[in-house]
PDB file of all heavy atoms in Angstrom:
ATOM      1  N   ARG A   1       0.802  -1.231   0.000  1.00  0.00           N
ATOM      2  CA  ARG A   1       0.000   0.000   0.000  1.00  0.00           C
ATOM      3  C   ARG A   1       0.835   1.282   0.000  1.00  0.00           C
ATOM      4  O   ARG A   1       0.424   2.300   0.536  1.00  0.00           O
ATOM      5  CB  ARG A   1      -0.995   0.004   1.159  1.00  0.00           C
ATOM      6  CG  ARG A   1      -1.920  -1.198   1.159  1.00  0.00           C
ATOM      7  CD  ARG A   1      -2.991  -1.059   2.208  1.00  0.00           C
ATOM      8  NE  ARG A   1      -3.750  -2.270   2.372  1.00  0.00           N
ATOM      9  CZ  ARG A   1      -4.703  -2.712   1.561  1.00  0.00           C
ATOM     10  NH1 ARG A   1      -5.003  -2.039   0.482  1.00  0.00           N
ATOM     11  NH2 ARG A   1      -5.357  -3.827   1.826  1.00  0.00           N
ATOM     12  N   LYS A   2       2.007   1.217  -0.621  1.00  0.00           N
ATOM     13  CA  LYS A   2       2.871   2.399  -0.706  1.00  0.00           C
ATOM     14  C   LYS A   2       3.185   2.750  -2.152  1.00  0.00           C
ATOM     15  O   LYS A   2       3.988   3.625  -2.414  1.00  0.00           O
ATOM     16  CB  LYS A   2       4.164   2.157   0.066  1.00  0.00           C
ATOM     17  CG  LYS A   2       3.941   1.996   1.559  1.00  0.00           C
ATOM     18  CD  LYS A   2       5.225   1.779   2.305  1.00  0.00           C
ATOM     19  CE  LYS A   2       4.916   1.639   3.788  1.00  0.00           C
ATOM     20  NZ  LYS A   2       6.116   1.383   4.569  1.00  0.00           N
ATOM     21  N   GLY A   3       2.567   2.021  -3.092  1.00  0.00           N
ATOM     22  CA  GLY A   3       2.797   2.293  -4.502  1.00  0.00           C
ATOM     23  C   GLY A   3       3.978   1.544  -5.092  1.00  0.00           C
ATOM     24  O   GLY A   3       4.257   1.664  -6.284  1.00  0.00           O
ATOM     25  N   TYR A   4       4.684   0.761  -4.280  1.00  0.00           N
ATOM     26  CA  TYR A   4       5.852   0.040  -4.781  1.00  0.00           C
ATOM     27  C   TYR A   4       5.475  -1.003  -5.823  1.00  0.00           C
ATOM     28  O   TYR A   4       6.147  -1.146  -6.846  1.00  0.00           O
ATOM     29  CB  TYR A   4       6.614  -0.644  -3.634  1.00  0.00           C
ATOM     30  CG  TYR A   4       7.132   0.291  -2.563  1.00  0.00           C
ATOM     31  CD1 TYR A   4       7.140  -0.098  -1.232  1.00  0.00           C
ATOM     32  CD2 TYR A   4       7.637   1.555  -2.866  1.00  0.00           C
ATOM     33  CE1 TYR A   4       7.631   0.734  -0.236  1.00  0.00           C
ATOM     34  CE2 TYR A   4       8.119   2.397  -1.878  1.00  0.00           C
ATOM     35  CZ  TYR A   4       8.114   1.975  -0.558  1.00  0.00           C
ATOM     36  OH  TYR A   4       8.590   2.799   0.428  1.00  0.00           O
ATOM     37  N   GLY A   5       4.404  -1.749  -5.557  1.00  0.00           N
ATOM     38  CA  GLY A   5       3.964  -2.777  -6.506  1.00  0.00           C
ATOM     39  C   GLY A   5       3.518  -2.176  -7.829  1.00  0.00           C
ATOM     40  O   GLY A   5       3.846  -2.699  -8.895  1.00  0.00           O
ATOM     41  N   SER A   6       2.783  -1.064  -7.765  1.00  0.00           N
ATOM     42  CA  SER A   6       2.324  -0.398  -8.988  1.00  0.00           C
ATOM     43  C   SER A   6       3.503   0.077  -9.827  1.00  0.00           C
ATOM     44  O   SER A   6       3.528  -0.110 -11.048  1.00  0.00           O
ATOM     45  CB  SER A   6       1.445   0.812  -8.649  1.00  0.00           C
ATOM     46  OG  SER A   6       0.257   0.394  -8.033  1.00  0.00           O
ATOM     47  N   GLU A   7       4.496   0.676  -9.165  1.00  0.00           N
ATOM     48  CA  GLU A   7       5.661   1.155  -9.903  1.00  0.00           C
ATOM     49  C   GLU A   7       6.473  -0.010 -10.459  1.00  0.00           C
ATOM     50  O   GLU A   7       6.957   0.039 -11.588  1.00  0.00           O
ATOM     51  CB  GLU A   7       6.544   2.052  -9.043  1.00  0.00           C
ATOM     52  CG  GLU A   7       7.664   2.672  -9.847  1.00  0.00           C
ATOM     53  CD  GLU A   7       8.477   3.710  -9.097  1.00  0.00           C
ATOM     54  OE1 GLU A   7       8.127   4.074  -7.954  1.00  0.00           O
ATOM     55  OE2 GLU A   7       9.488   4.159  -9.666  1.00  0.00           O
ATOM     56  N   ALA A   8       6.593  -1.092  -9.677  1.00  0.00           N
ATOM     57  CA  ALA A   8       7.319  -2.276 -10.158  1.00  0.00           C
ATOM     58  C   ALA A   8       6.632  -2.849 -11.393  1.00  0.00           C
ATOM     59  O   ALA A   8       7.304  -3.241 -12.365  1.00  0.00           O
ATOM     60  CB  ALA A   8       7.411  -3.327  -9.056  1.00  0.00           C
ATOM     61  N   LEU A   9       5.307  -2.881 -11.392  1.00  0.00           N
ATOM     62  CA  LEU A   9       4.552  -3.358 -12.554  1.00  0.00           C
ATOM     63  C   LEU A   9       4.856  -2.491 -13.772  1.00  0.00           C
ATOM     64  O   LEU A   9       5.166  -3.011 -14.848  1.00  0.00           O
ATOM     65  CB  LEU A   9       3.051  -3.352 -12.253  1.00  0.00           C
ATOM     66  CG  LEU A   9       2.105  -3.600 -13.431  1.00  0.00           C
ATOM     67  CD1 LEU A   9       2.327  -4.979 -14.037  1.00  0.00           C
ATOM     68  CD2 LEU A   9       0.661  -3.424 -12.988  1.00  0.00           C
ATOM     69  N   MET A  10       4.798  -1.171 -13.617  1.00  0.00           N
ATOM     70  CA  MET A  10       5.047  -0.276 -14.749  1.00  0.00           C
ATOM     71  C   MET A  10       6.474  -0.421 -15.286  1.00  0.00           C
ATOM     72  O   MET A  10       6.677  -0.486 -16.501  1.00  0.00           O
ATOM     73  CB  MET A  10       4.763   1.176 -14.357  1.00  0.00           C
ATOM     74  CG  MET A  10       3.285   1.459 -14.195  1.00  0.00           C
ATOM     75  SD  MET A  10       2.929   3.195 -13.853  1.00  0.00           S
ATOM     76  CE  MET A  10       3.369   3.305 -12.131  1.00  0.00           C
ATOM     77  N   LEU A  11       7.461  -0.490 -14.393  1.00  0.00           N
ATOM     78  CA  LEU A  11       8.853  -0.659 -14.832  1.00  0.00           C
ATOM     79  C   LEU A  11       9.040  -2.003 -15.538  1.00  0.00           C
ATOM     80  O   LEU A  11       9.715  -2.088 -16.567  1.00  0.00           O
ATOM     81  CB  LEU A  11       9.809  -0.552 -13.645  1.00  0.00           C
ATOM     82  CG  LEU A  11       9.946   0.817 -12.986  1.00  0.00           C
ATOM     83  CD1 LEU A  11      10.812   0.721 -11.731  1.00  0.00           C
ATOM     84  CD2 LEU A  11      10.510   1.839 -13.953  1.00  0.00           C
ATOM     85  N   ALA A  12       8.432  -3.042 -14.980  1.00  0.00           N
ATOM     86  CA  ALA A  12       8.562  -4.374 -15.571  1.00  0.00           C
ATOM     87  C   ALA A  12       7.895  -4.440 -16.940  1.00  0.00           C
ATOM     88  O   ALA A  12       8.446  -5.041 -17.876  1.00  0.00           O
ATOM     89  CB  ALA A  12       7.965  -5.430 -14.632  1.00  0.00           C
ATOM     90  N   LEU A  13       6.731  -3.817 -17.083  1.00  0.00           N
ATOM     91  CA  LEU A  13       6.053  -3.825 -18.381  1.00  0.00           C
ATOM     92  C   LEU A  13       6.875  -3.083 -19.432  1.00  0.00           C
ATOM     93  O   LEU A  13       6.971  -3.528 -20.579  1.00  0.00           O
ATOM     94  CB  LEU A  13       4.652  -3.209 -18.264  1.00  0.00           C
ATOM     95  CG  LEU A  13       3.622  -4.047 -17.514  1.00  0.00           C
ATOM     96  CD1 LEU A  13       2.316  -3.273 -17.367  1.00  0.00           C
ATOM     97  CD2 LEU A  13       3.394  -5.385 -18.196  1.00  0.00           C
ATOM     98  N   ARG A  14       7.471  -1.979 -19.048  1.00  0.00           N
ATOM     99  CA  ARG A  14       8.333  -1.242 -19.978  1.00  0.00           C
ATOM    100  C   ARG A  14       9.522  -2.114 -20.401  1.00  0.00           C
ATOM    101  O   ARG A  14       9.888  -2.161 -21.574  1.00  0.00           O
ATOM    102  CB  ARG A  14       8.807   0.059 -19.336  1.00  0.00           C
ATOM    103  CG  ARG A  14       9.370   1.038 -20.338  1.00  0.00           C
ATOM    104  CD  ARG A  14       9.657   2.406 -19.744  1.00  0.00           C
ATOM    105  NE  ARG A  14       8.478   2.967 -19.113  1.00  0.00           N
ATOM    106  CZ  ARG A  14       8.476   3.533 -17.901  1.00  0.00           C
ATOM    107  NH1 ARG A  14       9.576   3.636 -17.202  1.00  0.00           N
ATOM    108  NH2 ARG A  14       7.370   4.024 -17.399  1.00  0.00           N
ATOM    109  N   TYR A  15      10.095  -2.836 -19.452  1.00  0.00           N
ATOM    110  CA  TYR A  15      11.201  -3.748 -19.754  1.00  0.00           C
ATOM    111  C   TYR A  15      10.738  -4.851 -20.709  1.00  0.00           C
ATOM    112  O   TYR A  15      11.427  -5.174 -21.679  1.00  0.00           O
ATOM    113  CB  TYR A  15      11.749  -4.355 -18.456  1.00  0.00           C
ATOM    114  CG  TYR A  15      12.824  -5.368 -18.689  1.00  0.00           C
ATOM    115  CD1 TYR A  15      14.151  -4.975 -18.853  1.00  0.00           C
ATOM    116  CD2 TYR A  15      12.529  -6.723 -18.767  1.00  0.00           C
ATOM    117  CE1 TYR A  15      15.148  -5.907 -19.085  1.00  0.00           C
ATOM    118  CE2 TYR A  15      13.518  -7.660 -18.996  1.00  0.00           C
ATOM    119  CZ  TYR A  15      14.820  -7.247 -19.158  1.00  0.00           C
ATOM    120  OH  TYR A  15      15.808  -8.173 -19.398  1.00  0.00           O
ATOM    121  N   ALA A  16       9.573  -5.413 -20.440  1.00  0.00           N
ATOM    122  CA  ALA A  16       9.044  -6.496 -21.292  1.00  0.00           C
ATOM    123  C   ALA A  16       8.835  -6.014 -22.720  1.00  0.00           C
ATOM    124  O   ALA A  16       9.117  -6.741 -23.674  1.00  0.00           O
ATOM    125  CB  ALA A  16       7.743  -7.035 -20.724  1.00  0.00           C
ATOM    126  N   ALA A  17       8.347  -4.790 -22.872  1.00  0.00           N
ATOM    127  CA  ALA A  17       8.110  -4.249 -24.212  1.00  0.00           C
ATOM    128  C   ALA A  17       9.420  -3.916 -24.925  1.00  0.00           C
ATOM    129  O   ALA A  17       9.621  -4.300 -26.077  1.00  0.00           O
ATOM    130  CB  ALA A  17       7.226  -3.009 -24.124  1.00  0.00           C
ATOM    131  N   ASN A  18      10.311  -3.223 -24.233  1.00  0.00           N
ATOM    132  CA  ASN A  18      11.524  -2.714 -24.875  1.00  0.00           C
ATOM    133  C   ASN A  18      12.662  -3.715 -24.963  1.00  0.00           C
ATOM    134  O   ASN A  18      13.317  -3.806 -25.999  1.00  0.00           O
ATOM    135  CB  ASN A  18      12.007  -1.454 -24.153  1.00  0.00           C
ATOM    136  CG  ASN A  18      11.027  -0.314 -24.276  1.00  0.00           C
ATOM    137  OD1 ASN A  18      10.292  -0.223 -25.251  1.00  0.00           O
ATOM    138  ND2 ASN A  18      10.982   0.537 -23.276  1.00  0.00           N
ATOM    139  N   GLN A  19      12.932  -4.446 -23.894  1.00  0.00           N
ATOM    140  CA  GLN A  19      14.068  -5.369 -23.889  1.00  0.00           C
ATOM    141  C   GLN A  19      13.675  -6.763 -24.393  1.00  0.00           C
ATOM    142  O   GLN A  19      14.396  -7.353 -25.174  1.00  0.00           O
ATOM    143  CB  GLN A  19      14.676  -5.509 -22.492  1.00  0.00           C
ATOM    144  CG  GLN A  19      15.201  -4.260 -21.810  1.00  0.00           C
ATOM    145  CD  GLN A  19      15.681  -3.140 -22.672  1.00  0.00           C
ATOM    146  OE1 GLN A  19      15.003  -2.144 -22.719  1.00  0.00           O
ATOM    147  NE2 GLN A  19      16.804  -3.258 -23.328  1.00  0.00           N
ATOM    148  N   LEU A  20      12.553  -7.268 -23.886  1.00  0.00           N
ATOM    149  CA  LEU A  20      12.124  -8.616 -24.291  1.00  0.00           C
ATOM    150  C   LEU A  20      11.308  -8.589 -25.576  1.00  0.00           C
ATOM    151  O   LEU A  20      11.090  -9.618 -26.192  1.00  0.00           O
ATOM    152  CB  LEU A  20      11.297  -9.275 -23.172  1.00  0.00           C
ATOM    153  CG  LEU A  20      12.015  -9.481 -21.835  1.00  0.00           C
ATOM    154  CD1 LEU A  20      11.037 -10.047 -20.804  1.00  0.00           C
ATOM    155  CD2 LEU A  20      13.234 -10.364 -21.999  1.00  0.00           C
ATOM    156  N   GLN A  21      10.830  -7.409 -25.951  1.00  0.00           N
ATOM    157  CA  GLN A  21      10.007  -7.203 -27.141  1.00  0.00           C
ATOM    158  C   GLN A  21       8.742  -8.071 -27.140  1.00  0.00           C
ATOM    159  O   GLN A  21       8.327  -8.599 -28.160  1.00  0.00           O
ATOM    160  CB  GLN A  21      10.838  -7.402 -28.400  1.00  0.00           C
ATOM    161  CG  GLN A  21      11.986  -6.424 -28.444  1.00  0.00           C
ATOM    162  CD  GLN A  21      12.748  -6.429 -29.741  1.00  0.00           C
ATOM    163  OE1 GLN A  21      12.685  -7.373 -30.517  1.00  0.00           O
ATOM    164  NE2 GLN A  21      13.467  -5.350 -29.974  1.00  0.00           N
ATOM    165  N   MET A  22       8.128  -8.153 -25.966  1.00  0.00           N
ATOM    166  CA  MET A  22       6.884  -8.907 -25.819  1.00  0.00           C
ATOM    167  C   MET A  22       5.724  -8.115 -26.416  1.00  0.00           C
ATOM    168  O   MET A  22       5.699  -6.882 -26.349  1.00  0.00           O
ATOM    169  CB  MET A  22       6.607  -9.200 -24.339  1.00  0.00           C
ATOM    170  CG  MET A  22       7.626 -10.105 -23.675  1.00  0.00           C
ATOM    171  SD  MET A  22       7.565 -11.809 -24.251  1.00  0.00           S
ATOM    172  CE  MET A  22       9.074 -11.919 -25.207  1.00  0.00           C
ATOM    173  N   LYS A  23       4.792  -8.824 -26.997  1.00  0.00           N
ATOM    174  CA  LYS A  23       3.596  -8.210 -27.588  1.00  0.00           C
ATOM    175  C   LYS A  23       2.363  -8.428 -26.711  1.00  0.00           C
ATOM    176  O   LYS A  23       1.390  -7.692 -26.800  1.00  0.00           O
ATOM    177  CB  LYS A  23       3.331  -8.775 -28.990  1.00  0.00           C
ATOM    178  CG  LYS A  23       4.432  -8.466 -29.984  1.00  0.00           C
ATOM    179  CD  LYS A  23       4.536  -6.995 -30.250  1.00  0.00           C
ATOM    180  CE  LYS A  23       5.616  -6.687 -31.272  1.00  0.00           C
ATOM    181  NZ  LYS A  23       5.938  -5.278 -31.319  1.00  0.00           N
ATOM    182  N   LYS A  24       2.418  -9.474 -25.880  1.00  0.00           N
ATOM    183  CA  LYS A  24       1.274  -9.760 -25.013  1.00  0.00           C
ATOM    184  C   LYS A  24       1.793 -10.304 -23.688  1.00  0.00           C
ATOM    185  O   LYS A  24       2.646 -11.185 -23.653  1.00  0.00           O
ATOM    186  CB  LYS A  24       0.343 -10.780 -25.654  1.00  0.00           C
ATOM    187  CG  LYS A  24      -0.960 -10.981 -24.876  1.00  0.00           C
ATOM    188  CD  LYS A  24      -1.883 -11.949 -25.576  1.00  0.00           C
ATOM    189  CE  LYS A  24      -2.486 -11.249 -26.781  1.00  0.00           C
ATOM    190  NZ  LYS A  24      -3.499 -12.057 -27.462  1.00  0.00           N
ATOM    191  N   ILE A  25       1.269  -9.748 -22.600  1.00  0.00           N
ATOM    192  CA  ILE A  25       1.586 -10.207 -21.253  1.00  0.00           C
ATOM    193  C   ILE A  25       0.277 -10.698 -20.638  1.00  0.00           C
ATOM    194  O   ILE A  25      -0.762 -10.051 -20.770  1.00  0.00           O
ATOM    195  CB  ILE A  25       2.178  -9.063 -20.389  1.00  0.00           C
ATOM    196  CG1 ILE A  25       3.435  -8.489 -21.034  1.00  0.00           C
ATOM    197  CG2 ILE A  25       2.437  -9.538 -18.963  1.00  0.00           C
ATOM    198  CD1 ILE A  25       4.601  -9.447 -21.147  1.00  0.00           C
ATOM    199  N   PHE A  26       0.345 -11.812 -19.976  1.00  0.00           N
ATOM    200  CA  PHE A  26      -0.840 -12.328 -19.297  1.00  0.00           C
ATOM    201  C   PHE A  26      -0.504 -12.624 -17.851  1.00  0.00           C
ATOM    202  O   PHE A  26       0.661 -12.667 -17.451  1.00  0.00           O
ATOM    203  CB  PHE A  26      -1.416 -13.544 -20.024  1.00  0.00           C
ATOM    204  CG  PHE A  26      -0.437 -14.664 -20.238  1.00  0.00           C
ATOM    205  CD1 PHE A  26      -0.346 -15.710 -19.336  1.00  0.00           C
ATOM    206  CD2 PHE A  26       0.384 -14.687 -21.360  1.00  0.00           C
ATOM    207  CE1 PHE A  26       0.563 -16.735 -19.525  1.00  0.00           C
ATOM    208  CE2 PHE A  26       1.294 -15.713 -21.560  1.00  0.00           C
ATOM    209  CZ  PHE A  26       1.382 -16.742 -20.641  1.00  0.00           C
ATOM    210  N   LEU A  27      -1.527 -12.804 -17.045  1.00  0.00           N
ATOM    211  CA  LEU A  27      -1.337 -13.105 -15.629  1.00  0.00           C
ATOM    212  C   LEU A  27      -2.559 -13.827 -15.098  1.00  0.00           C
ATOM    213  O   LEU A  27      -3.614 -13.854 -15.740  1.00  0.00           O
ATOM    214  CB  LEU A  27      -1.060 -11.825 -14.828  1.00  0.00           C
ATOM    215  CG  LEU A  27      -2.123 -10.723 -14.828  1.00  0.00           C
ATOM    216  CD1 LEU A  27      -3.205 -10.956 -13.779  1.00  0.00           C
ATOM    217  CD2 LEU A  27      -1.468  -9.378 -14.573  1.00  0.00           C
ATOM    218  N   ARG A  28      -2.368 -14.405 -13.931  1.00  0.00           N
ATOM    219  CA  ARG A  28      -3.458 -15.034 -13.192  1.00  0.00           C
ATOM    220  C   ARG A  28      -3.501 -14.377 -11.821  1.00  0.00           C
ATOM    221  O   ARG A  28      -2.464 -14.136 -11.218  1.00  0.00           O
ATOM    222  CB  ARG A  28      -3.216 -16.532 -13.022  1.00  0.00           C
ATOM    223  CG  ARG A  28      -3.203 -17.281 -14.349  1.00  0.00           C
ATOM    224  CD  ARG A  28      -2.785 -18.723 -14.182  1.00  0.00           C
ATOM    225  NE  ARG A  28      -1.336 -18.740 -13.901  1.00  0.00           N
ATOM    226  CZ  ARG A  28      -0.689 -19.788 -13.421  1.00  0.00           C
ATOM    227  NH1 ARG A  28      -1.326 -20.903 -13.160  1.00  0.00           N
ATOM    228  NH2 ARG A  28       0.611 -19.732 -13.193  1.00  0.00           N
ATOM    229  N   VAL A  29      -4.701 -14.086 -11.336  1.00  0.00           N
ATOM    230  CA  VAL A  29      -4.857 -13.451 -10.031  1.00  0.00           C
ATOM    231  C   VAL A  29      -6.121 -14.007  -9.381  1.00  0.00           C
ATOM    232  O   VAL A  29      -7.125 -14.252 -10.059  1.00  0.00           O
ATOM    233  CB  VAL A  29      -4.914 -11.905 -10.165  1.00  0.00           C
ATOM    234  CG1 VAL A  29      -6.089 -11.452 -11.023  1.00  0.00           C
ATOM    235  CG2 VAL A  29      -4.926 -11.227  -8.805  1.00  0.00           C
ATOM    236  N   LEU A  30      -6.055 -14.221  -8.066  1.00  0.00           N
ATOM    237  CA  LEU A  30      -7.241 -14.668  -7.352  1.00  0.00           C
ATOM    238  C   LEU A  30      -8.302 -13.574  -7.418  1.00  0.00           C
ATOM    239  O   LEU A  30      -8.001 -12.396  -7.224  1.00  0.00           O
ATOM    240  CB  LEU A  30      -6.896 -15.008  -5.900  1.00  0.00           C
ATOM    241  CG  LEU A  30      -5.997 -16.235  -5.739  1.00  0.00           C
ATOM    242  CD1 LEU A  30      -5.482 -16.347  -4.315  1.00  0.00           C
ATOM    243  CD2 LEU A  30      -6.750 -17.500  -6.137  1.00  0.00           C
ATOM    244  N   ALA A  31      -9.533 -13.963  -7.697  1.00  0.00           N
ATOM    245  CA  ALA A  31     -10.614 -13.006  -7.923  1.00  0.00           C
ATOM    246  C   ALA A  31     -10.916 -12.153  -6.696  1.00  0.00           C
ATOM    247  O   ALA A  31     -11.458 -11.051  -6.832  1.00  0.00           O
ATOM    248  CB  ALA A  31     -11.874 -13.740  -8.391  1.00  0.00           C
ATOM    249  N   ASP A  32     -10.542 -12.614  -5.508  1.00  0.00           N
ATOM    250  CA  ASP A  32     -10.808 -11.816  -4.308  1.00  0.00           C
ATOM    251  C   ASP A  32      -9.671 -10.827  -3.998  1.00  0.00           C
ATOM    252  O   ASP A  32      -9.745 -10.071  -3.044  1.00  0.00           O
ATOM    253  CB  ASP A  32     -11.099 -12.709  -3.101  1.00  0.00           C
ATOM    254  CG  ASP A  32      -9.927 -13.594  -2.690  1.00  0.00           C
ATOM    255  OD1 ASP A  32      -8.874 -13.568  -3.354  1.00  0.00           O
ATOM    256  OD2 ASP A  32     -10.090 -14.330  -1.696  1.00  0.00           O
ATOM    257  N   ASN A  33      -8.644 -10.786  -4.832  1.00  0.00           N
ATOM    258  CA  ASN A  33      -7.545  -9.841  -4.647  1.00  0.00           C
ATOM    259  C   ASN A  33      -7.885  -8.551  -5.411  1.00  0.00           C
ATOM    260  O   ASN A  33      -7.275  -8.212  -6.427  1.00  0.00           O
ATOM    261  CB  ASN A  33      -6.223 -10.455  -5.136  1.00  0.00           C
ATOM    262  CG  ASN A  33      -5.015  -9.666  -4.693  1.00  0.00           C
ATOM    263  OD1 ASN A  33      -5.114  -8.508  -4.294  1.00  0.00           O
ATOM    264  ND2 ASN A  33      -3.857 -10.293  -4.778  1.00  0.00           N
ATOM    265  N   GLU A  34      -8.877  -7.848  -4.890  1.00  0.00           N
ATOM    266  CA  GLU A  34      -9.449  -6.692  -5.583  1.00  0.00           C
ATOM    267  C   GLU A  34      -8.440  -5.562  -5.808  1.00  0.00           C
ATOM    268  O   GLU A  34      -8.459  -4.913  -6.853  1.00  0.00           O
ATOM    269  CB  GLU A  34     -10.665  -6.180  -4.814  1.00  0.00           C
ATOM    270  CG  GLU A  34     -11.806  -7.189  -4.807  1.00  0.00           C
ATOM    271  CD  GLU A  34     -12.931  -6.808  -3.861  1.00  0.00           C
ATOM    272  OE1 GLU A  34     -12.884  -5.722  -3.239  1.00  0.00           O
ATOM    273  OE2 GLU A  34     -13.869  -7.623  -3.751  1.00  0.00           O
TER     274      GLU A  34
END
């Protein structure tokens, strides 16, 4: 709840697009993890 996870997600997605050149990222999350 300090924004660290959100920023880590954004940095990681940028890395996936630019370095790994990924076109699609998927994930699984428990439905109660709102």
